Amino acid sequence: MPFDRDSGLVFSEQLIKKVRTRDRYNPARSLGQPPERQSSGHGSDSLFSVTLRRLLCNLDKLDSDSLSTVPEVLLKQIWKAIQRS
């Protein structure tokens, strides 16, 4: 994996194809559906809610190493969201 000497971060980049609109909803998903947008329609959702939706869409890629630095308060919120989905 590439390493950024300035920031000390390790990262990887992947190019992905754009998903066609008709392919976005897959009723056969085994991990449950992510929560719907809950914004008031004025402005955008919070960074936390957007990130939580992305996390719930990619539960199959989640492992303990990726959560090792997440504060306990956030882990509890993530766990509750996983149980609701």
PDB file of N, CA and C in Angstrom:
ATOM      1  N   MET A   1       0.845  -1.181   0.000  1.00  0.00           N
ATOM      2  CA  MET A   1       0.000   0.000   0.000  1.00  0.00           C
ATOM      3  C   MET A   1       0.890   1.244   0.000  1.00  0.00           C
ATOM      4  N   PRO A   2       0.482   2.263  -0.715  1.00  0.00           N
ATOM      5  CA  PRO A   2       1.256   3.511  -0.732  1.00  0.00           C
ATOM      6  C   PRO A   2       1.285   4.170   0.648  1.00  0.00           C
ATOM      7  N   PHE A   3       2.379   4.835   0.924  1.00  0.00           N
ATOM      8  CA  PHE A   3       2.591   5.493   2.204  1.00  0.00           C
ATOM      9  C   PHE A   3       2.922   6.953   1.939  1.00  0.00           C
ATOM     10  N   ASP A   4       2.201   7.865   2.581  1.00  0.00           N
ATOM     11  CA  ASP A   4       2.443   9.295   2.441  1.00  0.00           C
ATOM     12  C   ASP A   4       3.444   9.722   3.502  1.00  0.00           C
ATOM     13  N   ARG A   5       4.649  10.103   3.092  1.00  0.00           N
ATOM     14  CA  ARG A   5       5.710  10.460   4.041  1.00  0.00           C
ATOM     15  C   ARG A   5       5.385  11.731   4.817  1.00  0.00           C
ATOM     16  N   ASP A   6       4.603  12.645   4.229  1.00  0.00           N
ATOM     17  CA  ASP A   6       4.278  13.899   4.910  1.00  0.00           C
ATOM     18  C   ASP A   6       3.306  13.698   6.066  1.00  0.00           C
ATOM     19  N   SER A   7       2.238  12.936   5.826  1.00  0.00           N
ATOM     20  CA  SER A   7       1.211  12.779   6.851  1.00  0.00           C
ATOM     21  C   SER A   7       1.344  11.486   7.646  1.00  0.00           C
ATOM     22  N   GLY A   8       2.074  10.516   7.106  1.00  0.00           N
ATOM     23  CA  GLY A   8       2.207   9.231   7.783  1.00  0.00           C
ATOM     24  C   GLY A   8       1.039   8.297   7.520  1.00  0.00           C
ATOM     25  N   LEU A   9       0.137   8.683   6.619  1.00  0.00           N
ATOM     26  CA  LEU A   9      -1.035   7.862   6.345  1.00  0.00           C
ATOM     27  C   LEU A   9      -0.739   6.809   5.287  1.00  0.00           C
ATOM     28  N   VAL A  10      -1.364   5.669   5.458  1.00  0.00           N
ATOM     29  CA  VAL A  10      -1.299   4.608   4.464  1.00  0.00           C
ATOM     30  C   VAL A  10      -2.621   4.633   3.720  1.00  0.00           C
ATOM     31  N   PHE A  11      -2.564   4.526   2.411  1.00  0.00           N
ATOM     32  CA  PHE A  11      -3.801   4.621   1.641  1.00  0.00           C
ATOM     33  C   PHE A  11      -3.743   3.707   0.430  1.00  0.00           C
ATOM     34  N   SER A  12      -4.900   3.471  -0.125  1.00  0.00           N
ATOM     35  CA  SER A  12      -4.984   2.757  -1.402  1.00  0.00           C
ATOM     36  C   SER A  12      -6.059   3.434  -2.235  1.00  0.00           C
ATOM     37  N   GLU A  13      -5.874   3.378  -3.524  1.00  0.00           N
ATOM     38  CA  GLU A  13      -6.834   3.993  -4.437  1.00  0.00           C
ATOM     39  C   GLU A  13      -7.366   2.935  -5.376  1.00  0.00           C
ATOM     40  N   GLN A  14      -8.664   3.030  -5.659  1.00  0.00           N
ATOM     41  CA  GLN A  14      -9.281   2.108  -6.594  1.00  0.00           C
ATOM     42  C   GLN A  14     -10.185   2.906  -7.515  1.00  0.00           C
ATOM     43  N   LEU A  15     -10.181   2.552  -8.786  1.00  0.00           N
ATOM     44  CA  LEU A  15     -11.114   3.147  -9.719  1.00  0.00           C
ATOM     45  C   LEU A  15     -12.329   2.233  -9.797  1.00  0.00           C
ATOM     46  N   ILE A  16     -13.505   2.815  -9.697  1.00  0.00           N
ATOM     47  CA  ILE A  16     -14.720   2.034  -9.771  1.00  0.00           C
ATOM     48  C   ILE A  16     -15.627   2.610 -10.845  1.00  0.00           C
ATOM     49  N   LYS A  17     -16.443   1.753 -11.408  1.00  0.00           N
ATOM     50  CA  LYS A  17     -17.391   2.202 -12.417  1.00  0.00           C
ATOM     51  C   LYS A  17     -18.579   2.871 -11.745  1.00  0.00           C
ATOM     52  N   LYS A  18     -19.171   3.808 -12.432  1.00  0.00           N
ATOM     53  CA  LYS A  18     -20.372   4.458 -11.938  1.00  0.00           C
ATOM     54  C   LYS A  18     -21.531   3.460 -11.994  1.00  0.00           C
ATOM     55  N   VAL A  19     -22.309   3.410 -10.922  1.00  0.00           N
ATOM     56  CA  VAL A  19     -23.438   2.494 -10.849  1.00  0.00           C
ATOM     57  C   VAL A  19     -24.616   3.114 -11.595  1.00  0.00           C
ATOM     58  N   ARG A  20     -25.216   2.330 -12.465  1.00  0.00           N
ATOM     59  CA  ARG A  20     -26.399   2.829 -13.171  1.00  0.00           C
ATOM     60  C   ARG A  20     -27.565   2.939 -12.206  1.00  0.00           C
ATOM     61  N   THR A  21     -28.451   3.878 -12.441  1.00  0.00           N
ATOM     62  CA  THR A  21     -29.563   4.151 -11.540  1.00  0.00           C
ATOM     63  C   THR A  21     -30.404   2.910 -11.287  1.00  0.00           C
ATOM     64  N   ARG A  22     -30.690   2.139 -12.298  1.00  0.00           N
ATOM     65  CA  ARG A  22     -31.566   0.980 -12.110  1.00  0.00           C
ATOM     66  C   ARG A  22     -30.892  -0.126 -11.311  1.00  0.00           C
ATOM     67  N   ASP A  23     -29.561  -0.083 -11.162  1.00  0.00           N
ATOM     68  CA  ASP A  23     -28.846  -1.102 -10.406  1.00  0.00           C
ATOM     69  C   ASP A  23     -28.660  -0.742  -8.942  1.00  0.00           C
ATOM     70  N   ARG A  24     -29.056   0.439  -8.526  1.00  0.00           N
ATOM     71  CA  ARG A  24     -28.780   0.881  -7.159  1.00  0.00           C
ATOM     72  C   ARG A  24     -29.553   0.083  -6.113  1.00  0.00           C
ATOM     73  N   TYR A  25     -30.781  -0.263  -6.398  1.00  0.00           N
ATOM     74  CA  TYR A  25     -31.576  -0.980  -5.411  1.00  0.00           C
ATOM     75  C   TYR A  25     -31.511  -2.465  -5.721  1.00  0.00           C
ATOM     76  N   ASN A  26     -31.036  -3.235  -4.786  1.00  0.00           N
ATOM     77  CA  ASN A  26     -30.946  -4.677  -4.949  1.00  0.00           C
ATOM     78  C   ASN A  26     -31.689  -5.331  -3.793  1.00  0.00           C
ATOM     79  N   PRO A  27     -32.921  -5.810  -4.020  1.00  0.00           N
ATOM     80  CA  PRO A  27     -33.704  -6.396  -2.926  1.00  0.00           C
ATOM     81  C   PRO A  27     -33.097  -7.676  -2.368  1.00  0.00           C
ATOM     82  N   ALA A  28     -32.135  -8.268  -3.047  1.00  0.00           N
ATOM     83  CA  ALA A  28     -31.533  -9.516  -2.582  1.00  0.00           C
ATOM     84  C   ALA A  28     -30.339  -9.283  -1.667  1.00  0.00           C
ATOM     85  N   ARG A  29     -30.111  -8.064  -1.252  1.00  0.00           N
ATOM     86  CA  ARG A  29     -28.987  -7.759  -0.350  1.00  0.00           C
ATOM     87  C   ARG A  29     -29.074  -8.599   0.911  1.00  0.00           C
ATOM     88  N   SER A  30     -27.970  -9.176   1.319  1.00  0.00           N
ATOM     89  CA  SER A  30     -27.997 -10.033   2.503  1.00  0.00           C
ATOM     90  C   SER A  30     -27.713  -9.265   3.791  1.00  0.00           C
ATOM     91  N   LEU A  31     -27.209  -8.039   3.695  1.00  0.00           N
ATOM     92  CA  LEU A  31     -26.817  -7.312   4.889  1.00  0.00           C
ATOM     93  C   LEU A  31     -27.812  -6.251   5.308  1.00  0.00           C
ATOM     94  N   GLY A  32     -28.985  -6.210   4.716  1.00  0.00           N
ATOM     95  CA  GLY A  32     -29.955  -5.185   5.076  1.00  0.00           C
ATOM     96  C   GLY A  32     -29.722  -3.913   4.283  1.00  0.00           C
ATOM     97  N   GLN A  33     -30.696  -3.081   4.284  1.00  0.00           N
ATOM     98  CA  GLN A  33     -30.614  -1.833   3.531  1.00  0.00           C
ATOM     99  C   GLN A  33     -30.085  -0.715   4.405  1.00  0.00           C
ATOM    100  N   PRO A  34     -29.298   0.184   3.832  1.00  0.00           N
ATOM    101  CA  PRO A  34     -28.839   1.331   4.617  1.00  0.00           C
ATOM    102  C   PRO A  34     -30.015   2.250   4.922  1.00  0.00           C
ATOM    103  N   PRO A  35     -29.914   3.027   5.981  1.00  0.00           N
ATOM    104  CA  PRO A  35     -31.015   3.923   6.310  1.00  0.00           C
ATOM    105  C   PRO A  35     -31.214   4.979   5.229  1.00  0.00           C
ATOM    106  N   GLU A  36     -32.428   5.400   5.070  1.00  0.00           N
ATOM    107  CA  GLU A  36     -32.733   6.445   4.104  1.00  0.00           C
ATOM    108  C   GLU A  36     -32.170   7.775   4.592  1.00  0.00           C
ATOM    109  N   ARG A  37     -32.034   8.713   3.674  1.00  0.00           N
ATOM    110  CA  ARG A  37     -31.584  10.046   4.061  1.00  0.00           C
ATOM    111  C   ARG A  37     -32.579  10.632   5.047  1.00  0.00           C
ATOM    112  N   GLN A  38     -32.075  11.253   6.084  1.00  0.00           N
ATOM    113  CA  GLN A  38     -32.944  11.790   7.107  1.00  0.00           C
ATOM    114  C   GLN A  38     -32.829  13.298   7.226  1.00  0.00           C
ATOM    115  N   SER A  39     -32.296  13.923   6.195  1.00  0.00           N
ATOM    116  CA  SER A  39     -32.167  15.375   6.269  1.00  0.00           C
ATOM    117  C   SER A  39     -33.532  16.017   6.075  1.00  0.00           C
ATOM    118  N   SER A  40     -33.609  17.271   6.438  1.00  0.00           N
ATOM    119  CA  SER A  40     -34.872  17.992   6.344  1.00  0.00           C
ATOM    120  C   SER A  40     -35.165  18.436   4.913  1.00  0.00           C
ATOM    121  N   GLY A  41     -34.258  18.162   4.007  1.00  0.00           N
ATOM    122  CA  GLY A  41     -34.436  18.616   2.630  1.00  0.00           C
ATOM    123  C   GLY A  41     -33.757  19.946   2.390  1.00  0.00           C
ATOM    124  N   HIS A  42     -33.292  20.573   3.439  1.00  0.00           N
ATOM    125  CA  HIS A  42     -32.574  21.840   3.329  1.00  0.00           C
ATOM    126  C   HIS A  42     -31.108  21.575   3.623  1.00  0.00           C
ATOM    127  N   GLY A  43     -30.283  21.640   2.603  1.00  0.00           N
ATOM    128  CA  GLY A  43     -28.864  21.380   2.806  1.00  0.00           C
ATOM    129  C   GLY A  43     -28.553  19.900   2.737  1.00  0.00           C
ATOM    130  N   SER A  44     -27.358  19.557   3.154  1.00  0.00           N
ATOM    131  CA  SER A  44     -26.930  18.165   3.071  1.00  0.00           C
ATOM    132  C   SER A  44     -26.952  17.499   4.444  1.00  0.00           C
ATOM    133  N   ASP A  45     -26.842  16.167   4.420  1.00  0.00           N
ATOM    134  CA  ASP A  45     -26.786  15.400   5.664  1.00  0.00           C
ATOM    135  C   ASP A  45     -25.465  15.667   6.378  1.00  0.00           C
ATOM    136  N   SER A  46     -25.412  15.324   7.646  1.00  0.00           N
ATOM    137  CA  SER A  46     -24.169  15.480   8.400  1.00  0.00           C
ATOM    138  C   SER A  46     -23.146  14.458   7.909  1.00  0.00           C
ATOM    139  N   LEU A  47     -21.890  14.757   8.147  1.00  0.00           N
ATOM    140  CA  LEU A  47     -20.819  13.849   7.751  1.00  0.00           C
ATOM    141  C   LEU A  47     -20.994  12.499   8.437  1.00  0.00           C
ATOM    142  N   PHE A  48     -21.432  12.503   9.699  1.00  0.00           N
ATOM    143  CA  PHE A  48     -21.631  11.251  10.422  1.00  0.00           C
ATOM    144  C   PHE A  48     -22.712  10.392   9.764  1.00  0.00           C
ATOM    145  N   SER A  49     -23.836  10.985   9.391  1.00  0.00           N
ATOM    146  CA  SER A  49     -24.916  10.188   8.803  1.00  0.00           C
ATOM    147  C   SER A  49     -24.532   9.659   7.422  1.00  0.00           C
ATOM    148  N   VAL A  50     -23.816  10.443   6.650  1.00  0.00           N
ATOM    149  CA  VAL A  50     -23.353   9.982   5.336  1.00  0.00           C
ATOM    150  C   VAL A  50     -22.361   8.828   5.518  1.00  0.00           C
ATOM    151  N   THR A  51     -21.437   8.993   6.452  1.00  0.00           N
ATOM    152  CA  THR A  51     -20.437   7.956   6.719  1.00  0.00           C
ATOM    153  C   THR A  51     -21.094   6.686   7.253  1.00  0.00           C
ATOM    154  N   LEU A  52     -22.078   6.835   8.109  1.00  0.00           N
ATOM    155  CA  LEU A  52     -22.782   5.681   8.655  1.00  0.00           C
ATOM    156  C   LEU A  52     -23.508   4.908   7.558  1.00  0.00           C
ATOM    157  N   ARG A  53     -24.141   5.613   6.635  1.00  0.00           N
ATOM    158  CA  ARG A  53     -24.799   4.939   5.509  1.00  0.00           C
ATOM    159  C   ARG A  53     -23.792   4.175   4.670  1.00  0.00           C
ATOM    160  N   ARG A  54     -22.635   4.778   4.404  1.00  0.00           N
ATOM    161  CA  ARG A  54     -21.579   4.104   3.623  1.00  0.00           C
ATOM    162  C   ARG A  54     -21.086   2.873   4.368  1.00  0.00           C
ATOM    163  N   LEU A  55     -20.913   2.998   5.667  1.00  0.00           N
ATOM    164  CA  LEU A  55     -20.460   1.878   6.475  1.00  0.00           C
ATOM    165  C   LEU A  55     -21.460   0.722   6.413  1.00  0.00           C
ATOM    166  N   LEU A  56     -22.736   1.037   6.526  1.00  0.00           N
ATOM    167  CA  LEU A  56     -23.765  -0.004   6.490  1.00  0.00           C
ATOM    168  C   LEU A  56     -23.873  -0.644   5.105  1.00  0.00           C
ATOM    169  N   CYS A  57     -23.524   0.079   4.080  1.00  0.00           N
ATOM    170  CA  CYS A  57     -23.516  -0.494   2.726  1.00  0.00           C
ATOM    171  C   CYS A  57     -22.324  -1.418   2.512  1.00  0.00           C
ATOM    172  N   ASN A  58     -21.302  -1.292   3.335  1.00  0.00           N
ATOM    173  CA  ASN A  58     -20.073  -2.061   3.139  1.00  0.00           C
ATOM    174  C   ASN A  58     -19.702  -2.883   4.371  1.00  0.00           C
ATOM    175  N   LEU A  59     -20.684  -3.442   5.032  1.00  0.00           N
ATOM    176  CA  LEU A  59     -20.423  -4.229   6.237  1.00  0.00           C
ATOM    177  C   LEU A  59     -19.539  -5.440   5.967  1.00  0.00           C
ATOM    178  N   ASP A  60     -19.613  -5.985   4.773  1.00  0.00           N
ATOM    179  CA  ASP A  60     -18.807  -7.152   4.448  1.00  0.00           C
ATOM    180  C   ASP A  60     -17.312  -6.836   4.426  1.00  0.00           C
ATOM    181  N   LYS A  61     -16.948  -5.568   4.309  1.00  0.00           N
ATOM    182  CA  LYS A  61     -15.544  -5.164   4.285  1.00  0.00           C
ATOM    183  C   LYS A  61     -15.046  -4.702   5.652  1.00  0.00           C
ATOM    184  N   LEU A  62     -15.907  -4.697   6.642  1.00  0.00           N
ATOM    185  CA  LEU A  62     -15.570  -4.203   7.971  1.00  0.00           C
ATOM    186  C   LEU A  62     -14.813  -5.267   8.762  1.00  0.00           C
ATOM    187  N   ASP A  63     -13.725  -4.869   9.400  1.00  0.00           N
ATOM    188  CA  ASP A  63     -12.998  -5.793  10.271  1.00  0.00           C
ATOM    189  C   ASP A  63     -12.563  -5.058  11.543  1.00  0.00           C
ATOM    190  N   SER A  64     -12.054  -5.807  12.493  1.00  0.00           N
ATOM    191  CA  SER A  64     -11.704  -5.215  13.785  1.00  0.00           C
ATOM    192  C   SER A  64     -10.570  -4.200  13.671  1.00  0.00           C
ATOM    193  N   ASP A  65      -9.651  -4.395  12.740  1.00  0.00           N
ATOM    194  CA  ASP A  65      -8.546  -3.444  12.570  1.00  0.00           C
ATOM    195  C   ASP A  65      -9.043  -2.068  12.156  1.00  0.00           C
ATOM    196  N   SER A  66     -10.074  -2.032  11.336  1.00  0.00           N
ATOM    197  CA  SER A  66     -10.581  -0.736  10.864  1.00  0.00           C
ATOM    198  C   SER A  66     -11.310   0.026  11.969  1.00  0.00           C
ATOM    199  N   LEU A  67     -11.743  -0.664  13.005  1.00  0.00           N
ATOM    200  CA  LEU A  67     -12.448  -0.014  14.109  1.00  0.00           C
ATOM    201  C   LEU A  67     -11.578   0.183  15.352  1.00  0.00           C
ATOM    202  N   SER A  68     -10.337  -0.217  15.291  1.00  0.00           N
ATOM    203  CA  SER A  68      -9.481  -0.192  16.485  1.00  0.00           C
ATOM    204  C   SER A  68      -9.227   1.216  17.023  1.00  0.00           C
ATOM    205  N   THR A  69      -9.283   2.228  16.181  1.00  0.00           N
ATOM    206  CA  THR A  69      -9.006   3.594  16.641  1.00  0.00           C
ATOM    207  C   THR A  69     -10.268   4.439  16.798  1.00  0.00           C
ATOM    208  N   VAL A  70     -11.425   3.838  16.598  1.00  0.00           N
ATOM    209  CA  VAL A  70     -12.689   4.574  16.711  1.00  0.00           C
ATOM    210  C   VAL A  70     -13.059   4.712  18.187  1.00  0.00           C
ATOM    211  N   PRO A  71     -13.409   5.911  18.634  1.00  0.00           N
ATOM    212  CA  PRO A  71     -13.796   6.100  20.042  1.00  0.00           C
ATOM    213  C   PRO A  71     -15.008   5.237  20.419  1.00  0.00           C
ATOM    214  N   GLU A  72     -15.059   4.838  21.679  1.00  0.00           N
ATOM    215  CA  GLU A  72     -16.111   3.938  22.163  1.00  0.00           C
ATOM    216  C   GLU A  72     -17.512   4.526  21.961  1.00  0.00           C
ATOM    217  N   VAL A  73     -17.654   5.826  22.116  1.00  0.00           N
ATOM    218  CA  VAL A  73     -18.962   6.473  21.935  1.00  0.00           C
ATOM    219  C   VAL A  73     -19.467   6.246  20.508  1.00  0.00           C
ATOM    220  N   LEU A  74     -18.577   6.406  19.529  1.00  0.00           N
ATOM    221  CA  LEU A  74     -18.963   6.183  18.139  1.00  0.00           C
ATOM    222  C   LEU A  74     -19.207   4.711  17.852  1.00  0.00           C
ATOM    223  N   LEU A  75     -18.417   3.828  18.467  1.00  0.00           N
ATOM    224  CA  LEU A  75     -18.632   2.393  18.268  1.00  0.00           C
ATOM    225  C   LEU A  75     -20.019   1.972  18.727  1.00  0.00           C
ATOM    226  N   LYS A  76     -20.476   2.543  19.837  1.00  0.00           N
ATOM    227  CA  LYS A  76     -21.824   2.220  20.325  1.00  0.00           C
ATOM    228  C   LYS A  76     -22.886   2.685  19.332  1.00  0.00           C
ATOM    229  N   GLN A  77     -22.715   3.866  18.761  1.00  0.00           N
ATOM    230  CA  GLN A  77     -23.676   4.370  17.777  1.00  0.00           C
ATOM    231  C   GLN A  77     -23.653   3.521  16.513  1.00  0.00           C
ATOM    232  N   ILE A  78     -22.466   3.108  16.096  1.00  0.00           N
ATOM    233  CA  ILE A  78     -22.351   2.252  14.914  1.00  0.00           C
ATOM    234  C   ILE A  78     -23.025   0.912  15.172  1.00  0.00           C
ATOM    235  N   TRP A  79     -22.781   0.338  16.351  1.00  0.00           N
ATOM    236  CA  TRP A  79     -23.374  -0.966  16.685  1.00  0.00           C
ATOM    237  C   TRP A  79     -24.913  -0.891  16.702  1.00  0.00           C
ATOM    238  N   LYS A  80     -25.454   0.182  17.260  1.00  0.00           N
ATOM    239  CA  LYS A  80     -26.912   0.354  17.277  1.00  0.00           C
ATOM    240  C   LYS A  80     -27.467   0.456  15.860  1.00  0.00           C
ATOM    241  N   ALA A  81     -26.753   1.166  14.984  1.00  0.00           N
ATOM    242  CA  ALA A  81     -27.194   1.288  13.598  1.00  0.00           C
ATOM    243  C   ALA A  81     -27.146  -0.054  12.881  1.00  0.00           C
ATOM    244  N   ILE A  82     -26.122  -0.854  13.163  1.00  0.00           N
ATOM    245  CA  ILE A  82     -26.014  -2.185  12.545  1.00  0.00           C
ATOM    246  C   ILE A  82     -27.166  -3.068  13.023  1.00  0.00           C
ATOM    247  N   GLN A  83     -27.498  -2.991  14.295  1.00  0.00           N
ATOM    248  CA  GLN A  83     -28.605  -3.803  14.821  1.00  0.00           C
ATOM    249  C   GLN A  83     -29.946  -3.371  14.210  1.00  0.00           C
ATOM    250  N   ARG A  84     -30.112  -2.093  13.918  1.00  0.00           N
ATOM    251  CA  ARG A  84     -31.370  -1.598  13.330  1.00  0.00           C
ATOM    252  C   ARG A  84     -31.501  -1.966  11.851  1.00  0.00           C
ATOM    253  N   SER A  85     -30.371  -2.160  11.169  1.00  0.00           N
ATOM    254  CA  SER A  85     -30.442  -2.393   9.710  1.00  0.00           C
ATOM    255  C   SER A  85     -30.791  -3.821   9.376  1.00  0.00           C
TER     256      SER A  85
END
